Amino acid sequence: MTKAQKCYTYILHCADNTYYTGWTNDLEHRLAVHNAGRGGKYTAARLPVELVYYEEFVTKREAMSREWHIKQLSRSEKLKLIAGENDGSRN
């Protein structure tokens, strides 16, 4: 698997202590874009952002699906996921 084939779902910690979840196929570049203020309205108003969590996937579809599932989690569930206390799924 090459770098170009990988997709990522990620969580950023924003300067206002909120979290942003997204997906990308180039994690390093996407983080730089967010911190340059060009990553979207939400993060542009909450700089700087820090990468606190990511998962790697083979397909865009998997990464986008995981992004949606993480966005459904409560803040406390996201914090547990970031801390490695669970897999982020609701049981």
Protein backbone atom coordinates (compact mmCIF):
# COMPACT_ATOMS: atom_id res chain seq x y z
CA MET A 1 0.00 0.00 0.00
CA THR A 2 1.45 3.37 -0.97
CA LYS A 3 0.92 6.70 0.77
CA ALA A 4 -1.44 7.84 -2.00
CA GLN A 5 -3.69 4.87 -1.39
CA LYS A 6 -4.23 5.55 2.31
CA CYS A 7 -7.10 7.58 3.70
CA TYR A 8 -7.41 8.90 7.22
CA THR A 9 -10.11 9.92 9.65
CA TYR A 10 -8.77 12.39 12.17
CA ILE A 11 -9.69 14.45 15.20
CA LEU A 12 -8.23 17.89 15.85
CA HIS A 13 -8.18 19.68 19.19
CA CYS A 14 -8.97 23.35 18.58
CA ALA A 15 -7.71 26.37 20.54
CA ASP A 16 -11.17 26.92 22.06
CA ASN A 17 -11.09 23.37 23.52
CA THR A 18 -13.50 21.93 20.96
CA TYR A 19 -12.86 19.00 18.62
CA TYR A 20 -13.12 18.77 14.85
CA THR A 21 -13.40 15.49 12.95
CA GLY A 22 -12.59 15.08 9.28
CA TRP A 23 -11.07 12.78 6.69
CA THR A 24 -8.25 13.16 4.17
CA ASN A 25 -5.84 11.24 1.97
CA ASP A 26 -2.83 13.34 3.11
CA LEU A 27 -2.86 13.84 6.85
CA GLU A 28 0.28 15.98 7.15
CA HIS A 29 -0.84 18.34 4.38
CA ARG A 30 -4.39 18.61 5.71
CA LEU A 31 -3.15 19.56 9.18
CA ALA A 32 -0.96 22.29 7.64
CA VAL A 33 -3.93 23.58 5.63
CA HIS A 34 -6.09 23.71 8.76
CA ASN A 35 -3.42 25.62 10.69
CA ALA A 36 -2.97 28.04 7.79
CA GLY A 37 -6.63 28.99 8.21
CA ARG A 38 -7.71 27.41 4.92
CA GLY A 39 -9.09 24.13 6.29
CA GLY A 40 -12.66 25.28 6.68
CA LYS A 41 -14.71 27.86 8.55
CA TYR A 42 -14.91 25.87 11.78
CA THR A 43 -11.19 25.42 12.30
CA ALA A 44 -10.17 28.77 10.80
CA ALA A 45 -11.90 30.52 13.69
CA ARG A 46 -10.33 28.22 16.29
CA LEU A 47 -6.60 28.22 15.52
CA PRO A 48 -4.22 26.71 16.21
CA VAL A 49 -5.41 23.12 15.94
CA GLU A 50 -3.54 20.02 17.05
CA LEU A 51 -3.89 16.49 15.71
CA VAL A 52 -4.92 14.30 18.65
CA TYR A 53 -6.23 11.16 16.95
CA TYR A 54 -6.32 9.42 13.59
CA GLU A 55 -7.19 6.10 11.99
CA GLU A 56 -5.90 4.79 8.67
CA PHE A 57 -8.11 3.22 5.97
CA VAL A 58 -7.64 1.73 2.52
CA THR A 59 -10.59 3.51 0.90
CA LYS A 60 -12.18 6.95 0.96
CA ARG A 61 -15.53 5.32 1.66
CA GLU A 62 -14.23 3.69 4.86
CA ALA A 63 -12.67 6.94 6.07
CA MET A 64 -15.83 8.94 5.36
CA SER A 65 -17.98 6.34 7.11
CA ARG A 66 -15.75 6.40 10.18
CA GLU A 67 -15.83 10.21 10.18
CA TRP A 68 -19.64 10.10 10.29
CA HIS A 69 -19.63 7.56 13.12
CA ILE A 70 -17.18 9.58 15.20
CA LYS A 71 -19.28 12.72 14.68
CA GLN A 72 -22.22 10.87 16.26
CA LEU A 73 -20.28 10.32 19.48
CA SER A 74 -20.72 12.52 22.53
CA ARG A 75 -17.79 14.64 23.66
CA SER A 76 -17.06 12.21 26.50
CA GLU A 77 -17.06 9.28 24.07
CA LYS A 78 -14.67 11.18 21.78
CA LEU A 79 -12.36 11.88 24.72
CA LYS A 80 -12.32 8.17 25.57
CA LEU A 81 -11.55 7.33 21.94
CA ILE A 82 -8.67 9.84 21.91
CA ALA A 83 -7.36 8.39 25.18
CA GLY A 84 -7.52 4.88 23.73
CA GLU A 85 -10.11 3.72 26.24
CA ASN A 86 -12.53 2.37 23.64
CA ASP A 87 -12.99 2.01 19.90
CA GLY A 88 -15.58 4.77 19.67
CA SER A 89 -18.50 2.52 18.87
CA ARG A 90 -21.69 2.63 20.87
CA ASN A 91 -22.61 -0.70 22.46
